[in-house]
Amino acid sequence: MALLEVHYRLNRPVRLEARFRVRGFTVLLGQSGAGKSTATRLLLRLDDPGAGCITLDGHDLRDVAVRNLREIATTAYFNVPR
């Protein structure tokens, strides 16, 4: 992923740079508010970054068919009891 700017309803831009090396089945884990849902929404093109771009194997996701992205990724949300 390249440098991103994500706008929330509060209109506060948040800069995010993250790189993932994905090999097979991969999960995103983290505390509430860590950006898991945002990263997933961006990967699946449910949202596009306000600035910057997201790349997958060097290809800008805006140039990849949404159907293809959604065939290779999915989401499952659950809460872990404490």
Protein backbone atom coordinates (compact mmCIF):
# COMPACT_ATOMS: atom_id res chain seq x y z
CA MET A 1 0.00 0.00 0.00
CA ALA A 2 1.15 3.51 -0.66
CA LEU A 3 0.63 6.57 1.51
CA LEU A 4 -3.08 7.15 2.02
CA GLU A 5 -5.26 9.93 3.32
CA VAL A 6 -8.52 8.72 4.83
CA HIS A 7 -11.32 11.15 5.66
CA TYR A 8 -13.69 10.27 8.49
CA ARG A 9 -17.01 11.93 9.21
CA LEU A 10 -15.16 14.32 11.51
CA ASN A 11 -13.32 15.60 8.43
CA ARG A 12 -10.00 14.83 10.05
CA PRO A 13 -7.58 13.39 7.51
CA VAL A 14 -5.49 10.49 8.75
CA ARG A 15 -2.31 9.50 6.97
CA LEU A 16 -1.66 5.79 6.78
CA GLU A 17 1.22 3.84 5.36
CA ALA A 18 1.08 0.09 5.67
CA ARG A 19 2.75 -2.73 3.84
CA PHE A 20 1.55 -6.31 3.97
CA ARG A 21 3.22 -9.42 2.67
CA VAL A 22 0.34 -11.81 2.16
CA ARG A 23 1.01 -15.49 1.71
CA GLY A 24 -2.14 -17.56 1.72
CA PHE A 25 -4.84 -17.08 4.34
CA THR A 26 -4.30 -13.81 6.21
CA VAL A 27 -6.22 -12.04 8.98
CA LEU A 28 -6.10 -8.52 10.37
CA LEU A 29 -6.26 -8.41 14.15
CA GLY A 30 -6.15 -5.41 16.44
CA GLN A 31 -7.90 -3.27 18.97
CA SER A 32 -11.02 -1.31 18.20
CA GLY A 33 -10.15 1.77 16.17
CA ALA A 34 -6.87 0.37 14.85
CA GLY A 35 -7.99 0.65 11.20
CA LYS A 36 -8.88 -2.95 10.35
CA SER A 37 -12.26 -2.06 8.86
CA THR A 38 -10.81 0.92 7.01
CA ALA A 39 -8.04 -1.19 5.48
CA THR A 40 -10.55 -3.87 4.47
CA ARG A 41 -12.97 -1.34 2.95
CA LEU A 42 -10.12 0.19 0.96
CA LEU A 43 -8.84 -3.19 -0.23
CA LEU A 44 -12.31 -4.23 -1.40
CA ARG A 45 -12.88 -0.80 -3.02
CA LEU A 46 -15.93 -0.11 -0.89
CA ASP A 47 -14.14 3.21 -0.29
CA ASP A 48 -11.37 4.96 -2.17
CA PRO A 49 -8.67 7.02 -0.46
CA GLY A 50 -9.15 10.79 -0.41
CA ALA A 51 -5.56 11.15 -1.64
CA GLY A 52 -2.83 8.75 -2.64
CA CYS A 53 -3.40 5.26 -3.91
CA ILE A 54 -3.47 1.64 -2.88
CA THR A 55 -1.41 -0.82 -4.86
CA LEU A 56 -1.55 -4.59 -5.05
CA ASP A 57 1.51 -6.22 -6.58
CA GLY A 58 2.39 -2.81 -8.02
CA HIS A 59 -1.04 -2.27 -9.63
CA ASP A 60 -3.23 0.64 -8.59
CA LEU A 61 -6.46 -0.89 -7.25
CA ARG A 62 -8.48 1.62 -9.26
CA ASP A 63 -7.21 -0.23 -12.36
CA VAL A 64 -8.32 -3.65 -11.06
CA ALA A 65 -11.90 -4.85 -11.60
CA VAL A 66 -13.86 -4.65 -8.34
CA ARG A 67 -15.25 -8.13 -8.97
CA ASN A 68 -11.70 -9.54 -9.07
CA LEU A 69 -10.80 -7.90 -5.76
CA ARG A 70 -13.89 -9.26 -4.07
CA GLU A 71 -13.18 -12.77 -5.35
CA ILE A 72 -9.83 -12.87 -3.53
CA ALA A 73 -10.81 -11.20 -0.24
CA THR A 74 -13.65 -11.42 2.23
CA THR A 75 -14.48 -10.23 5.71
CA ALA A 76 -15.68 -11.90 8.89
CA TYR A 77 -16.28 -9.81 11.99
CA PHE A 78 -16.47 -11.21 15.50
CA ASN A 79 -15.83 -10.16 19.07
CA VAL A 80 -13.43 -12.05 21.27
CA PRO A 81 -14.62 -12.35 24.88
CA ARG A 82 -12.25 -10.83 27.41
